[in-house]
N, C-alpha and C. Protein backbone atom coordinates (compact mmCIF):
# COMPACT_ATOMS: atom_id res chain seq x y z
N MET A 1 16.75 -25.35 6.36
CA MET A 1 17.67 -25.29 5.10
C MET A 1 17.92 -23.41 5.29
N ALA A 2 18.86 -23.27 4.70
CA ALA A 2 19.42 -21.94 4.81
C ALA A 2 19.03 -21.46 3.43
N ILE A 3 18.60 -19.73 3.32
CA ILE A 3 18.55 -19.60 2.22
C ILE A 3 19.41 -19.25 1.52
N GLN A 4 20.46 -19.52 0.78
CA GLN A 4 21.11 -18.98 -0.33
C GLN A 4 20.74 -18.39 -1.87
N THR A 5 20.35 -17.38 -1.37
CA THR A 5 19.93 -16.39 -3.04
C THR A 5 20.95 -15.62 -3.16
N GLY A 6 21.80 -15.13 -2.55
CA GLY A 6 22.75 -14.04 -3.15
C GLY A 6 22.55 -12.96 -2.05
N ILE A 7 21.22 -13.11 -1.50
CA ILE A 7 21.03 -11.55 -0.66
C ILE A 7 21.35 -12.18 1.20
N GLY A 8 22.10 -11.51 1.88
CA GLY A 8 22.76 -11.86 3.14
C GLY A 8 21.25 -11.69 4.03
N ALA A 9 21.44 -12.56 5.31
CA ALA A 9 20.53 -12.60 6.12
C ALA A 9 19.99 -11.38 6.74
N LYS A 10 21.10 -10.32 6.75
CA LYS A 10 20.85 -9.18 7.13
C LYS A 10 19.92 -8.37 6.52
N ASP A 11 20.37 -8.26 5.20
CA ASP A 11 20.15 -7.50 4.23
C ASP A 11 18.65 -7.91 4.05
N ARG A 12 18.18 -9.37 3.47
CA ARG A 12 16.65 -9.65 3.82
C ARG A 12 15.94 -9.47 4.76
N ALA A 13 16.64 -9.56 6.23
CA ALA A 13 15.66 -8.88 7.09
C ALA A 13 15.18 -7.51 7.25
N ALA A 14 16.14 -6.61 6.71
CA ALA A 14 15.95 -5.10 6.65
C ALA A 14 14.66 -4.92 5.91
N ILE A 15 15.07 -5.60 4.40
CA ILE A 15 13.85 -5.56 3.33
C ILE A 15 13.02 -5.97 3.95
N ALA A 16 12.78 -7.34 4.13
CA ALA A 16 11.08 -7.61 4.93
C ALA A 16 10.68 -6.87 5.87
N GLN A 17 10.95 -6.11 6.76
CA GLN A 17 10.88 -5.15 7.41
C GLN A 17 10.22 -4.03 6.49
N GLY A 18 10.93 -3.44 6.09
CA GLY A 18 10.32 -2.52 4.90
C GLY A 18 9.09 -3.21 4.18
N LEU A 19 9.08 -3.88 3.50
CA LEU A 19 8.08 -4.46 3.04
C LEU A 19 6.37 -4.84 3.56
N SER A 20 7.23 -5.32 5.10
CA SER A 20 6.49 -5.45 6.33
C SER A 20 5.34 -4.03 6.50
N ARG A 21 6.12 -3.13 6.34
CA ARG A 21 5.72 -1.94 6.30
C ARG A 21 4.70 -1.15 5.46
N LEU A 22 5.15 -1.43 4.53
CA LEU A 22 4.47 -1.54 2.63
C LEU A 22 3.00 -2.66 3.05
N LEU A 23 3.15 -3.47 3.03
CA LEU A 23 1.72 -4.61 3.44
C LEU A 23 1.11 -3.76 4.40
N ALA A 24 1.68 -3.14 5.75
CA ALA A 24 0.62 -2.66 6.20
C ALA A 24 -0.55 -1.49 5.91
N ASP A 25 0.50 -0.78 5.29
CA ASP A 25 -0.02 0.52 4.64
C ASP A 25 -1.05 0.34 3.38
N SER A 26 -0.59 -0.75 2.84
CA SER A 26 -1.61 -1.12 1.51
C SER A 26 -2.72 -1.67 2.28
N TYR A 27 -3.10 -2.60 3.37
CA TYR A 27 -3.85 -3.04 3.77
C TYR A 27 -4.83 -2.38 4.60
N ILE A 28 -4.12 -1.08 5.20
CA ILE A 28 -5.09 -0.17 5.74
C ILE A 28 -5.44 0.68 4.74
N LEU A 29 -5.04 1.15 3.71
CA LEU A 29 -5.49 1.97 2.41
C LEU A 29 -6.47 1.02 1.91
N TYR A 30 -6.31 -0.48 1.64
CA TYR A 30 -7.34 -1.37 1.39
C TYR A 30 -8.93 -0.97 1.99
N LEU A 31 -8.89 -1.10 3.75
CA LEU A 31 -9.70 -1.48 4.04
C LEU A 31 -10.10 -0.17 4.19
N LYS A 32 -9.66 1.60 4.14
CA LYS A 32 -10.19 2.66 4.05
C LYS A 32 -11.03 2.79 2.57
N THR A 33 -10.41 2.09 1.82
CA THR A 33 -11.19 2.66 0.29
C THR A 33 -12.27 1.96 0.05
N HIS A 34 -12.45 0.47 0.53
CA HIS A 34 -13.73 -0.61 0.68
C HIS A 34 -14.66 0.52 1.32
N SER A 35 -14.15 0.84 2.86
CA SER A 35 -15.34 1.26 3.24
C SER A 35 -15.48 2.71 2.90
N PHE A 36 -14.83 3.03 2.21
CA PHE A 36 -15.31 4.90 1.58
C PHE A 36 -16.05 4.31 0.07
N HIS A 37 -16.47 3.07 -0.38
CA HIS A 37 -16.71 2.70 -1.35
C HIS A 37 -18.18 2.58 -1.33
N TRP A 38 -18.61 1.53 0.19
CA TRP A 38 -19.36 1.46 0.08
C TRP A 38 -20.52 2.41 0.62
N ASN A 39 -19.61 3.42 1.50
CA ASN A 39 -20.15 4.82 2.27
C ASN A 39 -20.34 6.21 1.16
N VAL A 40 -19.99 5.99 0.23
CA VAL A 40 -19.71 7.58 -0.33
C VAL A 40 -21.48 7.93 -0.78
N GLU A 41 -21.35 9.08 -0.54
CA GLU A 41 -22.62 9.91 -1.22
C GLU A 41 -22.46 11.16 -1.89
N GLY A 42 -23.40 11.73 -2.38
CA GLY A 42 -23.31 13.05 -3.01
C GLY A 42 -23.63 12.84 -4.69
N PRO A 43 -23.14 13.95 -5.11
CA PRO A 43 -23.53 14.12 -6.62
C PRO A 43 -22.38 13.42 -7.10
N MET A 44 -21.43 13.01 -6.66
CA MET A 44 -20.33 12.17 -7.69
C MET A 44 -20.55 10.58 -7.23
N PHE A 45 -21.37 10.60 -6.73
CA PHE A 45 -21.84 9.09 -6.08
C PHE A 45 -20.87 7.99 -7.16
N GLN A 46 -21.72 7.99 -8.14
CA GLN A 46 -21.25 6.81 -9.11
C GLN A 46 -20.19 7.06 -9.59
N THR A 47 -19.56 8.39 -9.87
CA THR A 47 -18.05 8.04 -10.35
C THR A 47 -17.12 7.64 -9.21
N LEU A 48 -17.40 8.14 -7.94
CA LEU A 48 -16.34 7.94 -6.90
C LEU A 48 -16.49 6.14 -6.56
N HIS A 49 -17.66 5.69 -6.30
CA HIS A 49 -18.02 4.53 -5.98
C HIS A 49 -17.58 2.96 -7.02
N GLN A 50 -17.39 4.15 -8.36
CA GLN A 50 -16.59 2.96 -9.04
C GLN A 50 -15.37 3.00 -9.12
N MET A 51 -14.53 4.23 -8.69
CA MET A 51 -13.44 4.92 -8.72
C MET A 51 -12.65 3.74 -7.54
N PHE A 52 -13.31 4.06 -6.54
CA PHE A 52 -13.14 3.54 -4.78
C PHE A 52 -12.80 1.84 -5.16
N MET A 53 -13.82 1.57 -6.03
CA MET A 53 -13.96 0.28 -6.26
C MET A 53 -12.88 -0.56 -7.08
N ASP A 54 -12.59 0.31 -8.03
CA ASP A 54 -11.37 0.00 -8.77
C ASP A 54 -9.51 -0.18 -8.22
N GLU A 55 -9.80 0.65 -7.07
CA GLU A 55 -8.53 0.84 -6.22
C GLU A 55 -8.52 0.10 -5.35
N TYR A 56 -9.82 -0.06 -4.71
CA TYR A 56 -9.54 -1.08 -3.65
C TYR A 56 -9.26 -2.63 -4.14
N THR A 57 -9.84 -3.19 -5.44
CA THR A 57 -9.72 -4.53 -5.97
C THR A 57 -8.23 -4.33 -6.37
N GLU A 58 -7.64 -3.52 -6.79
CA GLU A 58 -6.22 -3.36 -7.31
C GLU A 58 -5.61 -3.40 -5.98
N LEU A 59 -5.94 -2.84 -5.13
CA LEU A 59 -4.81 -3.06 -3.44
C LEU A 59 -5.17 -4.40 -3.20
N TRP A 60 -6.06 -4.87 -3.29
CA TRP A 60 -6.53 -6.20 -2.49
C TRP A 60 -5.54 -7.59 -3.48
N ASN A 61 -5.45 -6.91 -4.58
CA ASN A 61 -4.49 -7.84 -5.49
C ASN A 61 -3.21 -7.72 -5.09
N ALA A 62 -2.82 -6.49 -4.77
CA ALA A 62 -1.39 -6.27 -4.40
C ALA A 62 -0.85 -6.91 -3.33
N ILE A 63 -1.74 -7.20 -2.17
CA ILE A 63 -1.53 -7.50 -1.05
C ILE A 63 -0.48 -9.11 -0.93
N ASP A 64 -1.23 -9.56 -1.45
CA ASP A 64 -0.48 -11.11 -1.86
C ASP A 64 0.97 -11.17 -2.30
N PRO A 65 1.30 -10.52 -3.49
CA PRO A 65 2.63 -10.51 -4.01
C PRO A 65 3.40 -9.89 -2.83
N ILE A 66 3.01 -8.93 -2.43
CA ILE A 66 4.06 -8.35 -1.17
C ILE A 66 4.33 -9.20 -0.15
N ALA A 67 3.01 -9.86 0.37
CA ALA A 67 3.47 -10.94 1.80
C ALA A 67 4.56 -11.84 1.07
N GLU A 68 4.13 -12.51 -0.21
CA GLU A 68 4.97 -13.79 -0.57
C GLU A 68 6.54 -13.30 -0.69
N ARG A 69 6.30 -12.25 -0.85
CA ARG A 69 8.03 -11.48 -1.20
C ARG A 69 8.52 -11.66 -0.01
N ILE A 70 7.92 -11.14 1.36
CA ILE A 70 8.23 -11.32 2.36
C ILE A 70 8.68 -12.53 2.68
N ARG A 71 7.52 -13.48 2.32
CA ARG A 71 7.88 -15.22 2.76
C ARG A 71 9.23 -15.45 2.16
N ALA A 72 9.49 -15.31 0.58
CA ALA A 72 10.76 -15.56 -0.01
C ALA A 72 11.98 -15.03 0.34
N LEU A 73 12.00 -14.10 1.21
CA LEU A 73 13.15 -13.70 1.83
C LEU A 73 13.26 -13.87 3.52
N GLY A 74 12.19 -15.10 3.50
CA GLY A 74 12.73 -15.73 5.09
C GLY A 74 12.20 -15.69 6.26
N HIS A 75 10.92 -14.45 5.94
CA HIS A 75 10.17 -13.75 6.82
C HIS A 75 9.29 -14.20 7.09
N TYR A 76 8.40 -14.28 8.15
CA TYR A 76 7.14 -14.30 8.35
C TYR A 76 6.12 -12.56 7.62
N ALA A 77 5.43 -13.12 7.21
CA ALA A 77 4.77 -11.51 7.04
C ALA A 77 3.41 -11.26 7.71
N PRO A 78 3.44 -10.03 8.33
CA PRO A 78 2.33 -9.71 9.34
C PRO A 78 1.20 -9.72 9.03
N GLY A 79 0.01 -9.83 9.71
CA GLY A 79 -1.44 -10.84 9.44
C GLY A 79 -2.36 -10.63 10.29
N SER A 80 -2.10 -9.52 11.51
CA SER A 80 -3.30 -8.96 11.96
C SER A 80 -3.53 -7.96 11.98
N TYR A 81 -4.75 -7.12 12.73
CA TYR A 81 -4.71 -5.58 12.51
C TYR A 81 -3.87 -5.16 13.84
N THR A 82 -3.35 -5.90 14.83
CA THR A 82 -2.85 -5.27 15.79
C THR A 82 -1.47 -5.11 15.10
N GLN A 83 -1.19 -5.69 14.32
CA GLN A 83 0.60 -5.84 13.72
C GLN A 83 0.65 -4.68 12.89
N TYR A 84 -0.82 -4.65 11.80
CA TYR A 84 -0.76 -3.40 10.95
C TYR A 84 -0.76 -1.99 11.78
N ARG A 85 -1.40 -1.68 12.72
CA ARG A 85 -1.57 -0.35 13.18
C ARG A 85 -0.07 -0.16 13.73
N LYS A 86 0.59 -0.93 14.34
CA LYS A 86 2.07 -0.81 14.66
C LYS A 86 3.01 -0.20 14.10
N LEU A 87 2.56 -0.95 12.40
CA LEU A 87 3.64 -0.89 11.53
C LEU A 87 2.99 0.27 10.37
N ALA A 88 1.96 0.73 10.29
CA ALA A 88 1.45 1.35 9.21
C ALA A 88 1.46 2.74 9.47
N THR A 89 1.46 3.39 8.60
CA THR A 89 1.51 5.18 8.19
C THR A 89 0.21 5.77 8.53
N ILE A 90 -0.42 4.56 8.12
CA ILE A 90 -1.90 5.44 7.38
C ILE A 90 -2.77 4.73 9.11
N ARG A 91 -3.48 6.08 9.13
CA ARG A 91 -4.44 5.98 10.39
C ARG A 91 -5.82 5.22 9.65
N GLU A 92 -6.27 4.79 10.45
CA GLU A 92 -7.97 4.44 10.27
C GLU A 92 -8.84 5.45 10.21
N THR A 93 -9.67 5.94 9.76
CA THR A 93 -10.95 6.75 9.81
C THR A 93 -11.85 6.61 10.44
N GLU A 94 -12.21 8.02 11.54
CA GLU A 94 -13.55 7.52 12.32
C GLU A 94 -14.67 8.35 11.96
N GLY A 95 -15.63 7.54 11.62
CA GLY A 95 -17.07 7.64 11.17
C GLY A 95 -16.83 7.53 9.55
N VAL A 96 -17.85 8.61 9.15
CA VAL A 96 -18.19 8.52 7.88
C VAL A 96 -17.63 9.80 7.14
N PRO A 97 -16.55 9.89 6.33
CA PRO A 97 -16.83 11.53 6.15
C PRO A 97 -17.58 11.89 4.66
N LYS A 98 -17.66 13.22 4.15
CA LYS A 98 -18.34 13.36 3.48
C LYS A 98 -17.20 13.09 1.46
N ALA A 99 -18.21 12.99 1.31
CA ALA A 99 -16.81 12.55 -0.42
C ALA A 99 -15.68 13.56 -0.45
N GLU A 100 -16.09 14.81 -0.31
CA GLU A 100 -14.37 14.95 -0.66
C GLU A 100 -13.60 15.21 0.18
N LYS A 101 -13.92 14.76 1.41
CA LYS A 101 -13.03 14.32 2.50
C LYS A 101 -12.37 13.03 1.97
N MET A 102 -13.28 11.98 1.86
CA MET A 102 -12.72 10.59 1.56
C MET A 102 -11.83 10.77 0.37
N VAL A 103 -11.98 11.62 -0.66
CA VAL A 103 -10.88 11.51 -1.93
C VAL A 103 -9.79 12.52 -0.97
N ARG A 104 -9.83 13.02 -0.19
CA ARG A 104 -8.25 13.79 0.17
C ARG A 104 -7.57 12.80 1.67
N GLU A 105 -8.62 11.88 1.86
CA GLU A 105 -7.73 10.72 2.41
C GLU A 105 -7.51 9.97 1.92
N LEU A 106 -7.88 9.52 0.79
CA LEU A 106 -7.42 8.39 -0.29
C LEU A 106 -5.93 9.22 -0.48
N ILE A 107 -6.41 10.51 -1.33
CA ILE A 107 -4.83 10.69 -1.78
C ILE A 107 -3.77 10.76 -0.83
N GLU A 108 -3.98 11.24 0.46
CA GLU A 108 -3.15 10.80 1.46
C GLU A 108 -2.66 9.47 1.38
N GLY A 109 -3.71 8.63 1.62
CA GLY A 109 -3.22 7.35 1.95
C GLY A 109 -2.15 6.74 0.86
N GLN A 110 -2.44 6.88 -0.68
CA GLN A 110 -1.59 6.57 -2.06
C GLN A 110 -0.38 7.03 -1.71
N GLU A 111 -0.76 8.62 -1.34
CA GLU A 111 1.01 9.13 -1.21
C GLU A 111 1.70 8.52 -0.18
N ALA A 112 1.23 8.38 0.90
CA ALA A 112 1.86 7.31 2.06
C ALA A 112 2.46 5.89 1.71
N VAL A 113 1.48 5.71 1.00
CA VAL A 113 2.00 4.00 0.71
C VAL A 113 3.42 4.52 -0.45
N ALA A 114 3.01 5.20 -1.42
CA ALA A 114 4.38 5.43 -2.63
C ALA A 114 5.62 6.17 -1.44
N ARG A 115 5.37 6.80 -0.20
CA ARG A 115 6.46 7.14 0.68
C ARG A 115 7.45 5.83 1.04
N THR A 116 6.36 4.79 1.66
CA THR A 116 6.56 3.84 2.44
C THR A 116 7.71 2.88 1.57
N ALA A 117 6.95 2.39 0.03
CA ALA A 117 7.76 2.00 -0.75
C ALA A 117 8.86 2.64 -1.37
N ARG A 118 9.14 3.87 -1.06
CA ARG A 118 10.72 4.69 -1.51
C ARG A 118 11.48 4.42 -0.42
N THR A 119 11.12 4.17 0.90
CA THR A 119 12.00 3.67 1.98
C THR A 119 12.71 2.32 1.64
N VAL A 120 12.22 1.39 1.14
CA VAL A 120 12.77 0.18 0.82
C VAL A 120 13.41 -0.18 -0.47
N LEU A 121 13.71 1.15 -0.80
CA LEU A 121 13.92 1.15 -2.54
C LEU A 121 15.69 0.91 -2.38
N PRO A 122 16.22 1.65 -1.30
CA PRO A 122 17.87 1.86 -1.22
C PRO A 122 18.37 0.62 -0.52
N LEU A 123 17.16 -0.18 0.14
CA LEU A 123 17.82 -1.48 0.90
C LEU A 123 17.60 -2.27 -0.19
N ALA A 124 16.85 -2.34 -0.98
CA ALA A 124 16.85 -3.53 -2.41
C ALA A 124 17.93 -3.33 -2.92
N GLU A 125 18.13 -2.01 -3.37
CA GLU A 125 19.06 -1.59 -4.44
C GLU A 125 20.34 -2.24 -3.84
N LYS A 126 20.59 -1.62 -2.70
CA LYS A 126 22.04 -2.30 -1.97
C LYS A 126 21.94 -3.79 -1.88
N ALA A 127 21.09 -4.28 -1.71
CA ALA A 127 21.15 -5.70 -2.03
C ALA A 127 21.05 -6.49 -3.02
N ASN A 128 20.91 -5.73 -4.12
CA ASN A 128 20.50 -6.15 -5.59
C ASN A 128 19.41 -7.48 -5.73
N ASP A 129 18.41 -6.71 -5.21
CA ASP A 129 17.17 -7.60 -5.01
C ASP A 129 16.29 -6.72 -6.10
N GLN A 130 16.70 -7.24 -7.26
CA GLN A 130 15.66 -7.01 -8.28
C GLN A 130 14.19 -7.41 -8.45
N PRO A 131 13.70 -8.58 -7.43
CA PRO A 131 12.43 -9.07 -7.30
C PRO A 131 11.83 -8.03 -6.58
N THR A 132 12.20 -7.62 -5.32
CA THR A 132 11.80 -6.63 -5.04
C THR A 132 11.97 -5.16 -5.22
N LEU A 133 12.82 -4.85 -6.17
CA LEU A 133 12.73 -3.64 -6.67
C LEU A 133 11.72 -3.32 -7.63
N ASP A 134 11.36 -4.64 -8.59
CA ASP A 134 10.53 -4.69 -9.75
C ASP A 134 8.82 -4.58 -8.90
N LEU A 135 8.84 -5.26 -7.72
CA LEU A 135 7.41 -5.08 -7.09
C LEU A 135 7.46 -3.71 -6.75
N LEU A 136 8.57 -2.96 -5.74
CA LEU A 136 8.21 -1.54 -5.65
C LEU A 136 7.99 -0.70 -6.30
N THR A 137 8.63 -0.77 -7.58
CA THR A 137 8.27 0.28 -8.66
C THR A 137 7.08 -0.12 -9.46
N GLN A 138 6.37 -1.43 -9.44
CA GLN A 138 5.09 -1.21 -9.77
C GLN A 138 4.20 -0.75 -8.45
N ARG A 139 4.46 -1.08 -7.71
CA ARG A 139 3.70 -0.13 -6.62
C ARG A 139 3.38 1.35 -6.39
N LEU A 140 4.76 1.95 -6.50
CA LEU A 140 4.97 3.40 -6.92
C LEU A 140 3.93 3.94 -7.94
N ASP A 141 4.34 2.98 -9.16
CA ASP A 141 3.40 3.84 -10.09
C ASP A 141 2.14 3.57 -9.92
N ILE A 142 1.61 2.80 -9.30
CA ILE A 142 0.23 2.55 -9.24
C ILE A 142 -0.24 3.74 -8.04
N HIS A 143 0.45 3.70 -6.93
CA HIS A 143 0.00 4.62 -6.13
C HIS A 143 0.43 6.22 -6.57
N GLU A 144 1.26 6.75 -7.29
CA GLU A 144 1.19 7.84 -7.82
C GLU A 144 0.23 7.91 -8.99
N LYS A 145 -0.06 7.50 -9.70
CA LYS A 145 -0.95 7.10 -10.77
C LYS A 145 -2.61 7.81 -9.97
N ASN A 146 -2.87 7.02 -8.99
CA ASN A 146 -3.95 7.05 -8.15
C ASN A 146 -4.25 8.45 -7.54
N ALA A 147 -3.00 8.77 -6.59
CA ALA A 147 -3.33 9.79 -6.10
C ALA A 147 -3.08 11.13 -7.12
N TRP A 148 -2.68 11.00 -8.21
CA TRP A 148 -3.01 11.96 -9.62
C TRP A 148 -4.44 11.89 -9.98
N MET A 149 -5.03 10.82 -10.23
CA MET A 149 -6.20 10.98 -10.49
C MET A 149 -7.41 11.49 -9.41
N LEU A 150 -6.96 10.91 -8.32
CA LEU A 150 -7.93 11.48 -6.99
C LEU A 150 -7.35 13.11 -6.66
N ARG A 151 -6.63 13.68 -7.27
CA ARG A 151 -6.55 15.33 -7.06
C ARG A 151 -7.27 15.69 -8.21
N SER A 152 -7.25 14.96 -9.39
CA SER A 152 -7.85 15.61 -10.39
C SER A 152 -9.40 15.86 -10.27
N LEU A 153 -9.88 14.96 -9.42
CA LEU A 153 -11.41 15.13 -8.83
C LEU A 153 -11.68 16.53 -8.14
N LEU A 154 -10.37 16.69 -7.56
CA LEU A 154 -10.77 18.04 -6.65
C LEU A 154 -10.43 19.30 -7.15
N LYS A 155 -9.78 19.04 -8.45
CA LYS A 155 -9.68 20.49 -9.23
C LYS A 155 -11.04 21.46 -9.56
N LYS A 156 -10.97 22.69 -9.18
CA LYS A 156 -12.01 23.38 -9.52
C LYS A 156 -11.93 24.21 -10.55
């Protein structure tokens, strides 16, 4: 059955592709943050361990709404590491970095997800797609706030 929600097929496809990149970046950042939570060491262990858990839990809860929005637009959500590696701008971390490097990588990851979300905004605006705009606005708010909080840890 055809989708007739007021957003044309080309616009839905472009938005879904952008959201697929957002989903991939979010999933890779989730995995990286969870790994850092497990492996962080040093004098800030308790603070970072808890902060990373808060962030990976929030990311885990964000993944499903992004995927479901892609489905609501009539497209399939990517769901494999192979697809995520192709779509994501965030790269996996080799080994276990020191705590400060973990924080720096997570700042870069939070900012990368925000940049990816911003690339989808004009597509959703053009299509008058308020549900996607709402989702993107929420994601931007969270990722920019997380990046700020992580940056504050590096202040000397």
